[in-house]
Amino acid sequence: QMPRLSIGAVETEKLGDGLYKVWVTIENSRL
């Protein structure tokens, strides 16, 4: 049950010319 991390969803949203918003989800699947 030691931590097991993984990078889940990485979502990008274009805000404007060359400007982006990036959301990153880090998941721990252990207790």
mmCIF file of all heavy atoms, coordinates in Angstrom:
data_MODEL
# 
_entry.id   MODEL 
# 
loop_
_atom_site.group_PDB 
_atom_site.id 
_atom_site.type_symbol 
_atom_site.label_atom_id 
_atom_site.label_alt_id 
_atom_site.label_comp_id 
_atom_site.label_asym_id 
_atom_site.label_entity_id 
_atom_site.label_seq_id 
_atom_site.pdbx_PDB_ins_code 
_atom_site.Cartn_x 
_atom_site.Cartn_y 
_atom_site.Cartn_z 
_atom_site.occupancy 
_atom_site.B_iso_or_equiv 
_atom_site.pdbx_formal_charge 
_atom_site.auth_seq_id 
_atom_site.auth_comp_id 
_atom_site.auth_asym_id 
_atom_site.auth_atom_id 
_atom_site.pdbx_PDB_model_num 
ATOM 1   N N   . GLN A 1 1  ? 0.802   -1.222 0.000   1.00 0.00 ? 1  GLN A N   1 
ATOM 2   C CA  . GLN A 1 1  ? 0.000   0.000  0.000   1.00 0.00 ? 1  GLN A CA  1 
ATOM 3   C C   . GLN A 1 1  ? 0.839   1.278  0.000   1.00 0.00 ? 1  GLN A C   1 
ATOM 4   O O   . GLN A 1 1  ? 0.298   2.372  0.169   1.00 0.00 ? 1  GLN A O   1 
ATOM 5   C CB  . GLN A 1 1  ? -0.962  0.007  1.187   1.00 0.00 ? 1  GLN A CB  1 
ATOM 6   C CG  . GLN A 1 1  ? -2.015  -1.065 1.101   1.00 0.00 ? 1  GLN A CG  1 
ATOM 7   C CD  . GLN A 1 1  ? -2.807  -0.994 -0.189  1.00 0.00 ? 1  GLN A CD  1 
ATOM 8   O OE1 . GLN A 1 1  ? -3.246  0.058  -0.611  1.00 0.00 ? 1  GLN A OE1 1 
ATOM 9   N NE2 . GLN A 1 1  ? -2.992  -2.130 -0.840  1.00 0.00 ? 1  GLN A NE2 1 
ATOM 10  N N   . MET A 1 2  ? 2.147   1.170  -0.221  1.00 0.00 ? 2  MET A N   1 
ATOM 11  C CA  . MET A 1 2  ? 2.982   2.362  -0.355  1.00 0.00 ? 2  MET A CA  1 
ATOM 12  C C   . MET A 1 2  ? 2.514   3.147  -1.573  1.00 0.00 ? 2  MET A C   1 
ATOM 13  O O   . MET A 1 2  ? 1.915   2.591  -2.497  1.00 0.00 ? 2  MET A O   1 
ATOM 14  C CB  . MET A 1 2  ? 4.460   1.962  -0.511  1.00 0.00 ? 2  MET A CB  1 
ATOM 15  C CG  . MET A 1 2  ? 5.074   1.390  0.757   1.00 0.00 ? 2  MET A CG  1 
ATOM 16  S SD  . MET A 1 2  ? 5.110   2.548  2.106   1.00 0.00 ? 2  MET A SD  1 
ATOM 17  C CE  . MET A 1 2  ? 6.422   3.612  1.579   1.00 0.00 ? 2  MET A CE  1 
ATOM 18  N N   . PRO A 1 3  ? 2.766   4.459  -1.634  1.00 0.00 ? 3  PRO A N   1 
ATOM 19  C CA  . PRO A 1 3  ? 2.230   5.297  -2.715  1.00 0.00 ? 3  PRO A CA  1 
ATOM 20  C C   . PRO A 1 3  ? 2.606   4.791  -4.104  1.00 0.00 ? 3  PRO A C   1 
ATOM 21  O O   . PRO A 1 3  ? 3.745   4.400  -4.341  1.00 0.00 ? 3  PRO A O   1 
ATOM 22  C CB  . PRO A 1 3  ? 2.870   6.660  -2.466  1.00 0.00 ? 3  PRO A CB  1 
ATOM 23  C CG  . PRO A 1 3  ? 3.309   6.648  -1.067  1.00 0.00 ? 3  PRO A CG  1 
ATOM 24  C CD  . PRO A 1 3  ? 3.577   5.231  -0.707  1.00 0.00 ? 3  PRO A CD  1 
ATOM 25  N N   . ARG A 1 4  ? 1.630   4.783  -4.997  1.00 0.00 ? 4  ARG A N   1 
ATOM 26  C CA  . ARG A 1 4  ? 1.862   4.464  -6.407  1.00 0.00 ? 4  ARG A CA  1 
ATOM 27  C C   . ARG A 1 4  ? 1.279   5.617  -7.223  1.00 0.00 ? 4  ARG A C   1 
ATOM 28  O O   . ARG A 1 4  ? 0.069   5.711  -7.414  1.00 0.00 ? 4  ARG A O   1 
ATOM 29  C CB  . ARG A 1 4  ? 1.216   3.156  -6.810  1.00 0.00 ? 4  ARG A CB  1 
ATOM 30  C CG  . ARG A 1 4  ? 1.440   2.870  -8.310  1.00 0.00 ? 4  ARG A CG  1 
ATOM 31  C CD  . ARG A 1 4  ? 0.857   1.562  -8.743  1.00 0.00 ? 4  ARG A CD  1 
ATOM 32  N NE  . ARG A 1 4  ? 1.709   0.486  -8.255  1.00 0.00 ? 4  ARG A NE  1 
ATOM 33  C CZ  . ARG A 1 4  ? 1.392   -0.787 -8.355  1.00 0.00 ? 4  ARG A CZ  1 
ATOM 34  N NH1 . ARG A 1 4  ? 0.264   -1.144 -8.893  1.00 0.00 ? 4  ARG A NH1 1 
ATOM 35  N NH2 . ARG A 1 4  ? 2.205   -1.712 -7.894  1.00 0.00 ? 4  ARG A NH2 1 
ATOM 36  N N   . LEU A 1 5  ? 2.159   6.491  -7.688  1.00 0.00 ? 5  LEU A N   1 
ATOM 37  C CA  . LEU A 1 5  ? 1.729   7.668  -8.433  1.00 0.00 ? 5  LEU A CA  1 
ATOM 38  C C   . LEU A 1 5  ? 1.687   7.386  -9.925  1.00 0.00 ? 5  LEU A C   1 
ATOM 39  O O   . LEU A 1 5  ? 2.444   6.571  -10.437 1.00 0.00 ? 5  LEU A O   1 
ATOM 40  C CB  . LEU A 1 5  ? 2.677   8.840  -8.178  1.00 0.00 ? 5  LEU A CB  1 
ATOM 41  C CG  . LEU A 1 5  ? 2.745   9.373  -6.756  1.00 0.00 ? 5  LEU A CG  1 
ATOM 42  C CD1 . LEU A 1 5  ? 3.667   10.576 -6.702  1.00 0.00 ? 5  LEU A CD1 1 
ATOM 43  C CD2 . LEU A 1 5  ? 1.377   9.729  -6.238  1.00 0.00 ? 5  LEU A CD2 1 
ATOM 44  N N   . SER A 1 6  ? 0.810   8.101  -10.583 1.00 0.00 ? 6  SER A N   1 
ATOM 45  C CA  . SER A 1 6  ? 0.766   8.093  -12.042 1.00 0.00 ? 6  SER A CA  1 
ATOM 46  C C   . SER A 1 6  ? 0.218   9.438  -12.498 1.00 0.00 ? 6  SER A C   1 
ATOM 47  O O   . SER A 1 6  ? -0.540  10.084 -11.779 1.00 0.00 ? 6  SER A O   1 
ATOM 48  C CB  . SER A 1 6  ? -0.120  6.956  -12.573 1.00 0.00 ? 6  SER A CB  1 
ATOM 49  O OG  . SER A 1 6  ? -1.450  7.138  -12.145 1.00 0.00 ? 6  SER A OG  1 
ATOM 50  N N   . ILE A 1 7  ? 0.651   9.842  -13.672 1.00 0.00 ? 7  ILE A N   1 
ATOM 51  C CA  . ILE A 1 7  ? 0.135   11.078 -14.253 1.00 0.00 ? 7  ILE A CA  1 
ATOM 52  C C   . ILE A 1 7  ? -1.096  10.697 -15.055 1.00 0.00 ? 7  ILE A C   1 
ATOM 53  O O   . ILE A 1 7  ? -1.012  9.947  -16.017 1.00 0.00 ? 7  ILE A O   1 
ATOM 54  C CB  . ILE A 1 7  ? 1.190   11.760 -15.134 1.00 0.00 ? 7  ILE A CB  1 
ATOM 55  C CG1 . ILE A 1 7  ? 2.415   12.119 -14.290 1.00 0.00 ? 7  ILE A CG1 1 
ATOM 56  C CG2 . ILE A 1 7  ? 0.611   12.999 -15.795 1.00 0.00 ? 7  ILE A CG2 1 
ATOM 57  C CD1 . ILE A 1 7  ? 3.570   12.670 -15.074 1.00 0.00 ? 7  ILE A CD1 1 
ATOM 58  N N   . GLY A 1 8  ? -2.235  11.195 -14.612 1.00 0.00 ? 8  GLY A N   1 
ATOM 59  C CA  . GLY A 1 8  ? -3.503  10.870 -15.260 1.00 0.00 ? 8  GLY A CA  1 
ATOM 60  C C   . GLY A 1 8  ? -3.758  11.768 -16.454 1.00 0.00 ? 8  GLY A C   1 
ATOM 61  O O   . GLY A 1 8  ? -2.930  11.895 -17.353 1.00 0.00 ? 8  GLY A O   1 
ATOM 62  N N   . ALA A 1 9  ? -4.881  12.445 -16.422 1.00 0.00 ? 9  ALA A N   1 
ATOM 63  C CA  . ALA A 1 9  ? -5.290  13.296 -17.539 1.00 0.00 ? 9  ALA A CA  1 
ATOM 64  C C   . ALA A 1 9  ? -4.419  14.546 -17.619 1.00 0.00 ? 9  ALA A C   1 
ATOM 65  O O   . ALA A 1 9  ? -4.113  15.179 -16.616 1.00 0.00 ? 9  ALA A O   1 
ATOM 66  C CB  . ALA A 1 9  ? -6.745  13.699 -17.373 1.00 0.00 ? 9  ALA A CB  1 
ATOM 67  N N   . VAL A 1 10 ? -4.003  14.868 -18.848 1.00 0.00 ? 10 VAL A N   1 
ATOM 68  C CA  . VAL A 1 10 ? -3.323  16.128 -19.145 1.00 0.00 ? 10 VAL A CA  1 
ATOM 69  C C   . VAL A 1 10 ? -4.185  16.818 -20.191 1.00 0.00 ? 10 VAL A C   1 
ATOM 70  O O   . VAL A 1 10 ? -4.246  16.395 -21.331 1.00 0.00 ? 10 VAL A O   1 
ATOM 71  C CB  . VAL A 1 10 ? -1.890  15.897 -19.672 1.00 0.00 ? 10 VAL A CB  1 
ATOM 72  C CG1 . VAL A 1 10 ? -1.248  17.219 -20.047 1.00 0.00 ? 10 VAL A CG1 1 
ATOM 73  C CG2 . VAL A 1 10 ? -1.054  15.143 -18.656 1.00 0.00 ? 10 VAL A CG2 1 
ATOM 74  N N   . GLU A 1 11 ? -4.876  17.881 -19.772 1.00 0.00 ? 11 GLU A N   1 
ATOM 75  C CA  . GLU A 1 11 ? -5.802  18.576 -20.657 1.00 0.00 ? 11 GLU A CA  1 
ATOM 76  C C   . GLU A 1 11 ? -5.248  19.954 -20.995 1.00 0.00 ? 11 GLU A C   1 
ATOM 77  O O   . GLU A 1 11 ? -4.718  20.637 -20.124 1.00 0.00 ? 11 GLU A O   1 
ATOM 78  C CB  . GLU A 1 11 ? -7.162  18.722 -19.976 1.00 0.00 ? 11 GLU A CB  1 
ATOM 79  C CG  . GLU A 1 11 ? -7.765  17.394 -19.558 1.00 0.00 ? 11 GLU A CG  1 
ATOM 80  C CD  . GLU A 1 11 ? -8.967  17.575 -18.662 1.00 0.00 ? 11 GLU A CD  1 
ATOM 81  O OE1 . GLU A 1 11 ? -9.510  18.691 -18.597 1.00 0.00 ? 11 GLU A OE1 1 
ATOM 82  O OE2 . GLU A 1 11 ? -9.360  16.589 -18.030 1.00 0.00 ? 11 GLU A OE2 1 
ATOM 83  N N   . THR A 1 12 ? -5.366  20.338 -22.249 1.00 0.00 ? 12 THR A N   1 
ATOM 84  C CA  . THR A 1 12 ? -4.920  21.665 -22.670 1.00 0.00 ? 12 THR A CA  1 
ATOM 85  C C   . THR A 1 12 ? -6.102  22.439 -23.241 1.00 0.00 ? 12 THR A C   1 
ATOM 86  O O   . THR A 1 12 ? -6.994  21.863 -23.868 1.00 0.00 ? 12 THR A O   1 
ATOM 87  C CB  . THR A 1 12 ? -3.804  21.581 -23.735 1.00 0.00 ? 12 THR A CB  1 
ATOM 88  O OG1 . THR A 1 12 ? -4.299  20.855 -24.861 1.00 0.00 ? 12 THR A OG1 1 
ATOM 89  C CG2 . THR A 1 12 ? -2.575  20.902 -23.184 1.00 0.00 ? 12 THR A CG2 1 
ATOM 90  N N   . GLU A 1 13 ? -6.096  23.736 -23.007 1.00 0.00 ? 13 GLU A N   1 
ATOM 91  C CA  . GLU A 1 13 ? -7.134  24.620 -23.536 1.00 0.00 ? 13 GLU A CA  1 
ATOM 92  C C   . GLU A 1 13 ? -6.451  25.849 -24.119 1.00 0.00 ? 13 GLU A C   1 
ATOM 93  O O   . GLU A 1 13 ? -5.649  26.498 -23.447 1.00 0.00 ? 13 GLU A O   1 
ATOM 94  C CB  . GLU A 1 13 ? -8.089  25.040 -22.420 1.00 0.00 ? 13 GLU A CB  1 
ATOM 95  C CG  . GLU A 1 13 ? -9.128  26.035 -22.861 1.00 0.00 ? 13 GLU A CG  1 
ATOM 96  C CD  . GLU A 1 13 ? -9.983  26.536 -21.698 1.00 0.00 ? 13 GLU A CD  1 
ATOM 97  O OE1 . GLU A 1 13 ? -10.041 25.865 -20.657 1.00 0.00 ? 13 GLU A OE1 1 
ATOM 98  O OE2 . GLU A 1 13 ? -10.588 27.605 -21.859 1.00 0.00 ? 13 GLU A OE2 1 
ATOM 99  N N   . LYS A 1 14 ? -6.764  26.144 -25.361 1.00 0.00 ? 14 LYS A N   1 
ATOM 100 C CA  . LYS A 1 14 ? -6.175  27.315 -26.021 1.00 0.00 ? 14 LYS A CA  1 
ATOM 101 C C   . LYS A 1 14 ? -6.896  28.560 -25.534 1.00 0.00 ? 14 LYS A C   1 
ATOM 102 O O   . LYS A 1 14 ? -8.114  28.666 -25.627 1.00 0.00 ? 14 LYS A O   1 
ATOM 103 C CB  . LYS A 1 14 ? -6.280  27.174 -27.532 1.00 0.00 ? 14 LYS A CB  1 
ATOM 104 C CG  . LYS A 1 14 ? -5.531  28.259 -28.276 1.00 0.00 ? 14 LYS A CG  1 
ATOM 105 C CD  . LYS A 1 14 ? -5.486  27.959 -29.751 1.00 0.00 ? 14 LYS A CD  1 
ATOM 106 C CE  . LYS A 1 14 ? -4.835  29.105 -30.473 1.00 0.00 ? 14 LYS A CE  1 
ATOM 107 N NZ  . LYS A 1 14 ? -3.528  28.823 -30.959 1.00 0.00 ? 14 LYS A NZ  1 
ATOM 108 N N   . LEU A 1 15 ? -6.120  29.517 -25.010 1.00 0.00 ? 15 LEU A N   1 
ATOM 109 C CA  . LEU A 1 15 ? -6.692  30.760 -24.492 1.00 0.00 ? 15 LEU A CA  1 
ATOM 110 C C   . LEU A 1 15 ? -6.618  31.888 -25.503 1.00 0.00 ? 15 LEU A C   1 
ATOM 111 O O   . LEU A 1 15 ? -7.457  32.763 -25.517 1.00 0.00 ? 15 LEU A O   1 
ATOM 112 C CB  . LEU A 1 15 ? -5.971  31.183 -23.203 1.00 0.00 ? 15 LEU A CB  1 
ATOM 113 C CG  . LEU A 1 15 ? -6.061  30.207 -22.044 1.00 0.00 ? 15 LEU A CG  1 
ATOM 114 C CD1 . LEU A 1 15 ? -5.212  30.685 -20.890 1.00 0.00 ? 15 LEU A CD1 1 
ATOM 115 C CD2 . LEU A 1 15 ? -7.500  30.023 -21.615 1.00 0.00 ? 15 LEU A CD2 1 
ATOM 116 N N   . GLY A 1 16 ? -5.581  31.875 -26.307 1.00 0.00 ? 16 GLY A N   1 
ATOM 117 C CA  . GLY A 1 16 ? -5.393  32.936 -27.280 1.00 0.00 ? 16 GLY A CA  1 
ATOM 118 C C   . GLY A 1 16 ? -4.237  32.575 -28.186 1.00 0.00 ? 16 GLY A C   1 
ATOM 119 O O   . GLY A 1 16 ? -3.854  31.414 -28.286 1.00 0.00 ? 16 GLY A O   1 
ATOM 120 N N   . ASP A 1 17 ? -3.675  33.575 -28.826 1.00 0.00 ? 17 ASP A N   1 
ATOM 121 C CA  . ASP A 1 17 ? -2.569  33.356 -29.756 1.00 0.00 ? 17 ASP A CA  1 
ATOM 122 C C   . ASP A 1 17 ? -1.322  32.919 -28.999 1.00 0.00 ? 17 ASP A C   1 
ATOM 123 O O   . ASP A 1 17 ? -0.649  33.735 -28.372 1.00 0.00 ? 17 ASP A O   1 
ATOM 124 C CB  . ASP A 1 17 ? -2.305  34.638 -30.547 1.00 0.00 ? 17 ASP A CB  1 
ATOM 125 C CG  . ASP A 1 17 ? -1.344  34.384 -31.689 1.00 0.00 ? 17 ASP A CG  1 
ATOM 126 O OD1 . ASP A 1 17 ? -1.379  33.278 -32.263 1.00 0.00 ? 17 ASP A OD1 1 
ATOM 127 O OD2 . ASP A 1 17 ? -0.553  35.300 -32.000 1.00 0.00 ? 17 ASP A OD2 1 
ATOM 128 N N   . GLY A 1 18 ? -1.015  31.629 -29.037 1.00 0.00 ? 18 GLY A N   1 
ATOM 129 C CA  . GLY A 1 18 ? 0.178   31.099 -28.382 1.00 0.00 ? 18 GLY A CA  1 
ATOM 130 C C   . GLY A 1 18 ? 0.069   30.989 -26.880 1.00 0.00 ? 18 GLY A C   1 
ATOM 131 O O   . GLY A 1 18 ? 1.057   30.767 -26.193 1.00 0.00 ? 18 GLY A O   1 
ATOM 132 N N   . LEU A 1 19 ? -1.142  31.112 -26.320 1.00 0.00 ? 19 LEU A N   1 
ATOM 133 C CA  . LEU A 1 19 ? -1.362  31.053 -24.881 1.00 0.00 ? 19 LEU A CA  1 
ATOM 134 C C   . LEU A 1 19 ? -2.266  29.864 -24.565 1.00 0.00 ? 19 LEU A C   1 
ATOM 135 O O   . LEU A 1 19 ? -3.312  29.701 -25.189 1.00 0.00 ? 19 LEU A O   1 
ATOM 136 C CB  . LEU A 1 19 ? -2.013  32.360 -24.418 1.00 0.00 ? 19 LEU A CB  1 
ATOM 137 C CG  . LEU A 1 19 ? -1.976  32.681 -22.933 1.00 0.00 ? 19 LEU A CG  1 
ATOM 138 C CD1 . LEU A 1 19 ? -0.545  32.800 -22.443 1.00 0.00 ? 19 LEU A CD1 1 
ATOM 139 C CD2 . LEU A 1 19 ? -2.725  33.960 -22.671 1.00 0.00 ? 19 LEU A CD2 1 
ATOM 140 N N   . TYR A 1 20 ? -1.834  29.030 -23.606 1.00 0.00 ? 20 TYR A N   1 
ATOM 141 C CA  . TYR A 1 20 ? -2.564  27.802 -23.283 1.00 0.00 ? 20 TYR A CA  1 
ATOM 142 C C   . TYR A 1 20 ? -2.701  27.640 -21.786 1.00 0.00 ? 20 TYR A C   1 
ATOM 143 O O   . TYR A 1 20 ? -1.869  28.103 -21.019 1.00 0.00 ? 20 TYR A O   1 
ATOM 144 C CB  . TYR A 1 20 ? -1.828  26.573 -23.837 1.00 0.00 ? 20 TYR A CB  1 
ATOM 145 C CG  . TYR A 1 20 ? -1.737  26.541 -25.330 1.00 0.00 ? 20 TYR A CG  1 
ATOM 146 C CD1 . TYR A 1 20 ? -0.675  27.160 -25.993 1.00 0.00 ? 20 TYR A CD1 1 
ATOM 147 C CD2 . TYR A 1 20 ? -2.688  25.881 -26.089 1.00 0.00 ? 20 TYR A CD2 1 
ATOM 148 C CE1 . TYR A 1 20 ? -0.577  27.127 -27.370 1.00 0.00 ? 20 TYR A CE1 1 
ATOM 149 C CE2 . TYR A 1 20 ? -2.595  25.839 -27.470 1.00 0.00 ? 20 TYR A CE2 1 
ATOM 150 C CZ  . TYR A 1 20 ? -1.545  26.462 -28.102 1.00 0.00 ? 20 TYR A CZ  1 
ATOM 151 O OH  . TYR A 1 20 ? -1.456  26.429 -29.464 1.00 0.00 ? 20 TYR A OH  1 
ATOM 152 N N   . LYS A 1 21 ? -3.755  26.922 -21.409 1.00 0.00 ? 21 LYS A N   1 
ATOM 153 C CA  . LYS A 1 21 ? -3.960  26.498 -20.028 1.00 0.00 ? 21 LYS A CA  1 
ATOM 154 C C   . LYS A 1 21 ? -3.810  24.975 -20.017 1.00 0.00 ? 21 LYS A C   1 
ATOM 155 O O   . LYS A 1 21 ? -4.428  24.283 -20.825 1.00 0.00 ? 21 LYS A O   1 
ATOM 156 C CB  . LYS A 1 21 ? -5.346  26.902 -19.549 1.00 0.00 ? 21 LYS A CB  1 
ATOM 157 C CG  . LYS A 1 21 ? -5.563  26.726 -18.070 1.00 0.00 ? 21 LYS A CG  1 
ATOM 158 C CD  . LYS A 1 21 ? -6.974  27.107 -17.673 1.00 0.00 ? 21 LYS A CD  1 
ATOM 159 C CE  . LYS A 1 21 ? -7.173  28.597 -17.753 1.00 0.00 ? 21 LYS A CE  1 
ATOM 160 N NZ  . LYS A 1 21 ? -8.475  29.005 -17.187 1.00 0.00 ? 21 LYS A NZ  1 
ATOM 161 N N   . VAL A 1 22 ? -2.982  24.451 -19.119 1.00 0.00 ? 22 VAL A N   1 
ATOM 162 C CA  . VAL A 1 22 ? -2.725  23.017 -19.035 1.00 0.00 ? 22 VAL A CA  1 
ATOM 163 C C   . VAL A 1 22 ? -3.118  22.537 -17.646 1.00 0.00 ? 22 VAL A C   1 
ATOM 164 O O   . VAL A 1 22 ? -2.646  23.079 -16.643 1.00 0.00 ? 22 VAL A O   1 
ATOM 165 C CB  . VAL A 1 22 ? -1.232  22.689 -19.300 1.00 0.00 ? 22 VAL A CB  1 
ATOM 166 C CG1 . VAL A 1 22 ? -0.982  21.200 -19.191 1.00 0.00 ? 22 VAL A CG1 1 
ATOM 167 C CG2 . VAL A 1 22 ? -0.798  23.218 -20.653 1.00 0.00 ? 22 VAL A CG2 1 
ATOM 168 N N   . TRP A 1 23 ? -3.996  21.519 -17.575 1.00 0.00 ? 23 TRP A N   1 
ATOM 169 C CA  . TRP A 1 23 ? -4.369  20.897 -16.316 1.00 0.00 ? 23 TRP A CA  1 
ATOM 170 C C   . TRP A 1 23 ? -3.731  19.523 -16.254 1.00 0.00 ? 23 TRP A C   1 
ATOM 171 O O   . TRP A 1 23 ? -3.817  18.742 -17.199 1.00 0.00 ? 23 TRP A O   1 
ATOM 172 C CB  . TRP A 1 23 ? -5.880  20.721 -16.198 1.00 0.00 ? 23 TRP A CB  1 
ATOM 173 C CG  . TRP A 1 23 ? -6.632  21.987 -15.977 1.00 0.00 ? 23 TRP A CG  1 
ATOM 174 C CD1 . TRP A 1 23 ? -6.693  22.723 -14.839 1.00 0.00 ? 23 TRP A CD1 1 
ATOM 175 C CD2 . TRP A 1 23 ? -7.442  22.653 -16.934 1.00 0.00 ? 23 TRP A CD2 1 
ATOM 176 N NE1 . TRP A 1 23 ? -7.498  23.807 -15.029 1.00 0.00 ? 23 TRP A NE1 1 
ATOM 177 C CE2 . TRP A 1 23 ? -7.962  23.794 -16.307 1.00 0.00 ? 23 TRP A CE2 1 
ATOM 178 C CE3 . TRP A 1 23 ? -7.772  22.407 -18.267 1.00 0.00 ? 23 TRP A CE3 1 
ATOM 179 C CZ2 . TRP A 1 23 ? -8.805  24.676 -16.954 1.00 0.00 ? 23 TRP A CZ2 1 
ATOM 180 C CZ3 . TRP A 1 23 ? -8.596  23.288 -18.912 1.00 0.00 ? 23 TRP A CZ3 1 
ATOM 181 C CH2 . TRP A 1 23 ? -9.105  24.409 -18.258 1.00 0.00 ? 23 TRP A CH2 1 
ATOM 182 N N   . VAL A 1 24 ? -3.117  19.229 -15.113 1.00 0.00 ? 24 VAL A N   1 
ATOM 183 C CA  . VAL A 1 24 ? -2.453  17.942 -14.906 1.00 0.00 ? 24 VAL A CA  1 
ATOM 184 C C   . VAL A 1 24 ? -3.063  17.286 -13.671 1.00 0.00 ? 24 VAL A C   1 
ATOM 185 O O   . VAL A 1 24 ? -3.210  17.929 -12.630 1.00 0.00 ? 24 VAL A O   1 
ATOM 186 C CB  . VAL A 1 24 ? -0.933  18.130 -14.696 1.00 0.00 ? 24 VAL A CB  1 
ATOM 187 C CG1 . VAL A 1 24 ? -0.252  16.788 -14.511 1.00 0.00 ? 24 VAL A CG1 1 
ATOM 188 C CG2 . VAL A 1 24 ? -0.326  18.902 -15.844 1.00 0.00 ? 24 VAL A CG2 1 
ATOM 189 N N   . THR A 1 25 ? -3.412  16.012 -13.797 1.00 0.00 ? 25 THR A N   1 
ATOM 190 C CA  . THR A 1 25 ? -3.939  15.242 -12.675 1.00 0.00 ? 25 THR A CA  1 
ATOM 191 C C   . THR A 1 25 ? -2.907  14.193 -12.272 1.00 0.00 ? 25 THR A C   1 
ATOM 192 O O   . THR A 1 25 ? -2.464  13.412 -13.111 1.00 0.00 ? 25 THR A O   1 
ATOM 193 C CB  . THR A 1 25 ? -5.260  14.554 -13.056 1.00 0.00 ? 25 THR A CB  1 
ATOM 194 O OG1 . THR A 1 25 ? -6.190  15.547 -13.492 1.00 0.00 ? 25 THR A OG1 1 
ATOM 195 C CG2 . THR A 1 25 ? -5.840  13.791 -11.885 1.00 0.00 ? 25 THR A CG2 1 
ATOM 196 N N   . ILE A 1 26 ? -2.537  14.190 -10.995 1.00 0.00 ? 26 ILE A N   1 
ATOM 197 C CA  . ILE A 1 26 ? -1.600  13.202 -10.462 1.00 0.00 ? 26 ILE A CA  1 
ATOM 198 C C   . ILE A 1 26 ? -2.393  12.307 -9.529  1.00 0.00 ? 26 ILE A C   1 
ATOM 199 O O   . ILE A 1 26 ? -3.015  12.772 -8.567  1.00 0.00 ? 26 ILE A O   1 
ATOM 200 C CB  . ILE A 1 26 ? -0.427  13.865 -9.700  1.00 0.00 ? 26 ILE A CB  1 
ATOM 201 C CG1 . ILE A 1 26 ? 0.320   14.832 -10.619 1.00 0.00 ? 26 ILE A CG1 1 
ATOM 202 C CG2 . ILE A 1 26 ? 0.529   12.818 -9.174  1.00 0.00 ? 26 ILE A CG2 1 
ATOM 203 C CD1 . ILE A 1 26 ? -0.072  16.239 -10.448 1.00 0.00 ? 26 ILE A CD1 1 
ATOM 204 N N   . GLU A 1 27 ? -2.384  11.015 -9.808  1.00 0.00 ? 27 GLU A N   1 
ATOM 205 C CA  . GLU A 1 27 ? -3.205  10.069 -9.056  1.00 0.00 ? 27 GLU A CA  1 
ATOM 206 C C   . GLU A 1 27 ? -2.341  9.184  -8.171  1.00 0.00 ? 27 GLU A C   1 
ATOM 207 O O   . GLU A 1 27 ? -1.269  8.747  -8.576  1.00 0.00 ? 27 GLU A O   1 
ATOM 208 C CB  . GLU A 1 27 ? -3.993  9.192  -10.032 1.00 0.00 ? 27 GLU A CB  1 
ATOM 209 C CG  . GLU A 1 27 ? -4.906  9.995  -10.929 1.00 0.00 ? 27 GLU A CG  1 
ATOM 210 C CD  . GLU A 1 27 ? -5.469  9.186  -12.079 1.00 0.00 ? 27 GLU A CD  1 
ATOM 211 O OE1 . GLU A 1 27 ? -4.933  8.099  -12.377 1.00 0.00 ? 27 GLU A OE1 1 
ATOM 212 O OE2 . GLU A 1 27 ? -6.438  9.650  -12.701 1.00 0.00 ? 27 GLU A OE2 1 
ATOM 213 N N   . ASN A 1 28 ? -2.834  8.930  -6.959  1.00 0.00 ? 28 ASN A N   1 
ATOM 214 C CA  . ASN A 1 28 ? -2.204  7.978  -6.040  1.00 0.00 ? 28 ASN A CA  1 
ATOM 215 C C   . ASN A 1 28 ? -3.192  6.835  -5.848  1.00 0.00 ? 28 ASN A C   1 
ATOM 216 O O   . ASN A 1 28 ? -4.236  7.005  -5.229  1.00 0.00 ? 28 ASN A O   1 
ATOM 217 C CB  . ASN A 1 28 ? -1.884  8.651  -4.703  1.00 0.00 ? 28 ASN A CB  1 
ATOM 218 C CG  . ASN A 1 28 ? -1.175  7.721  -3.734  1.00 0.00 ? 28 ASN A CG  1 
ATOM 219 O OD1 . ASN A 1 28 ? -0.904  6.575  -4.045  1.00 0.00 ? 28 ASN A OD1 1 
ATOM 220 N ND2 . ASN A 1 28 ? -0.881  8.232  -2.555  1.00 0.00 ? 28 ASN A ND2 1 
ATOM 221 N N   . SER A 1 29 ? -2.869  5.678  -6.384  1.00 0.00 ? 29 SER A N   1 
ATOM 222 C CA  . SER A 1 29 ? -3.801  4.548  -6.365  1.00 0.00 ? 29 SER A CA  1 
ATOM 223 C C   . SER A 1 29 ? -3.619  3.629  -5.156  1.00 0.00 ? 29 SER A C   1 
ATOM 224 O O   . SER A 1 29 ? -4.206  2.552  -5.118  1.00 0.00 ? 29 SER A O   1 
ATOM 225 C CB  . SER A 1 29 ? -3.657  3.741  -7.648  1.00 0.00 ? 29 SER A CB  1 
ATOM 226 O OG  . SER A 1 29 ? -2.358  3.194  -7.738  1.00 0.00 ? 29 SER A OG  1 
ATOM 227 N N   . ARG A 1 30 ? -2.829  4.036  -4.194  1.00 0.00 ? 30 ARG A N   1 
ATOM 228 C CA  . ARG A 1 30 ? -2.635  3.237  -2.980  1.00 0.00 ? 30 ARG A CA  1 
ATOM 229 C C   . ARG A 1 30 ? -3.153  3.985  -1.749  1.00 0.00 ? 30 ARG A C   1 
ATOM 230 O O   . ARG A 1 30 ? -3.459  5.176  -1.820  1.00 0.00 ? 30 ARG A O   1 
ATOM 231 C CB  . ARG A 1 30 ? -1.156  2.903  -2.793  1.00 0.00 ? 30 ARG A CB  1 
ATOM 232 C CG  . ARG A 1 30 ? -0.575  2.090  -3.914  1.00 0.00 ? 30 ARG A CG  1 
ATOM 233 C CD  . ARG A 1 30 ? -1.192  0.725  -3.960  1.00 0.00 ? 30 ARG A CD  1 
ATOM 234 N NE  . ARG A 1 30 ? -0.414  -0.104 -4.885  1.00 0.00 ? 30 ARG A NE  1 
ATOM 235 C CZ  . ARG A 1 30 ? -0.880  -1.163 -5.467  1.00 0.00 ? 30 ARG A CZ  1 
ATOM 236 N NH1 . ARG A 1 30 ? -2.101  -1.543 -5.250  1.00 0.00 ? 30 ARG A NH1 1 
ATOM 237 N NH2 . ARG A 1 30 ? -0.135  -1.862 -6.281  1.00 0.00 ? 30 ARG A NH2 1 
ATOM 238 N N   . LEU A 1 31 ? -3.203  3.307  -0.604  1.00 0.00 ? 31 LEU A N   1 
ATOM 239 C CA  . LEU A 1 31 ? -3.770  3.880  0.618   1.00 0.00 ? 31 LEU A CA  1 
ATOM 240 C C   . LEU A 1 31 ? -2.855  4.896  1.303   1.00 0.00 ? 31 LEU A C   1 
ATOM 241 O O   . LEU A 1 31 ? -3.329  5.863  1.890   1.00 0.00 ? 31 LEU A O   1 
ATOM 242 C CB  . LEU A 1 31 ? -4.095  2.767  1.614   1.00 0.00 ? 31 LEU A CB  1 
ATOM 243 C CG  . LEU A 1 31 ? -5.304  1.915  1.287   1.00 0.00 ? 31 LEU A CG  1 
ATOM 244 C CD1 . LEU A 1 31 ? -5.430  0.764  2.280   1.00 0.00 ? 31 LEU A CD1 1 
ATOM 245 C CD2 . LEU A 1 31 ? -6.565  2.743  1.297   1.00 0.00 ? 31 LEU A CD2 1 
# 
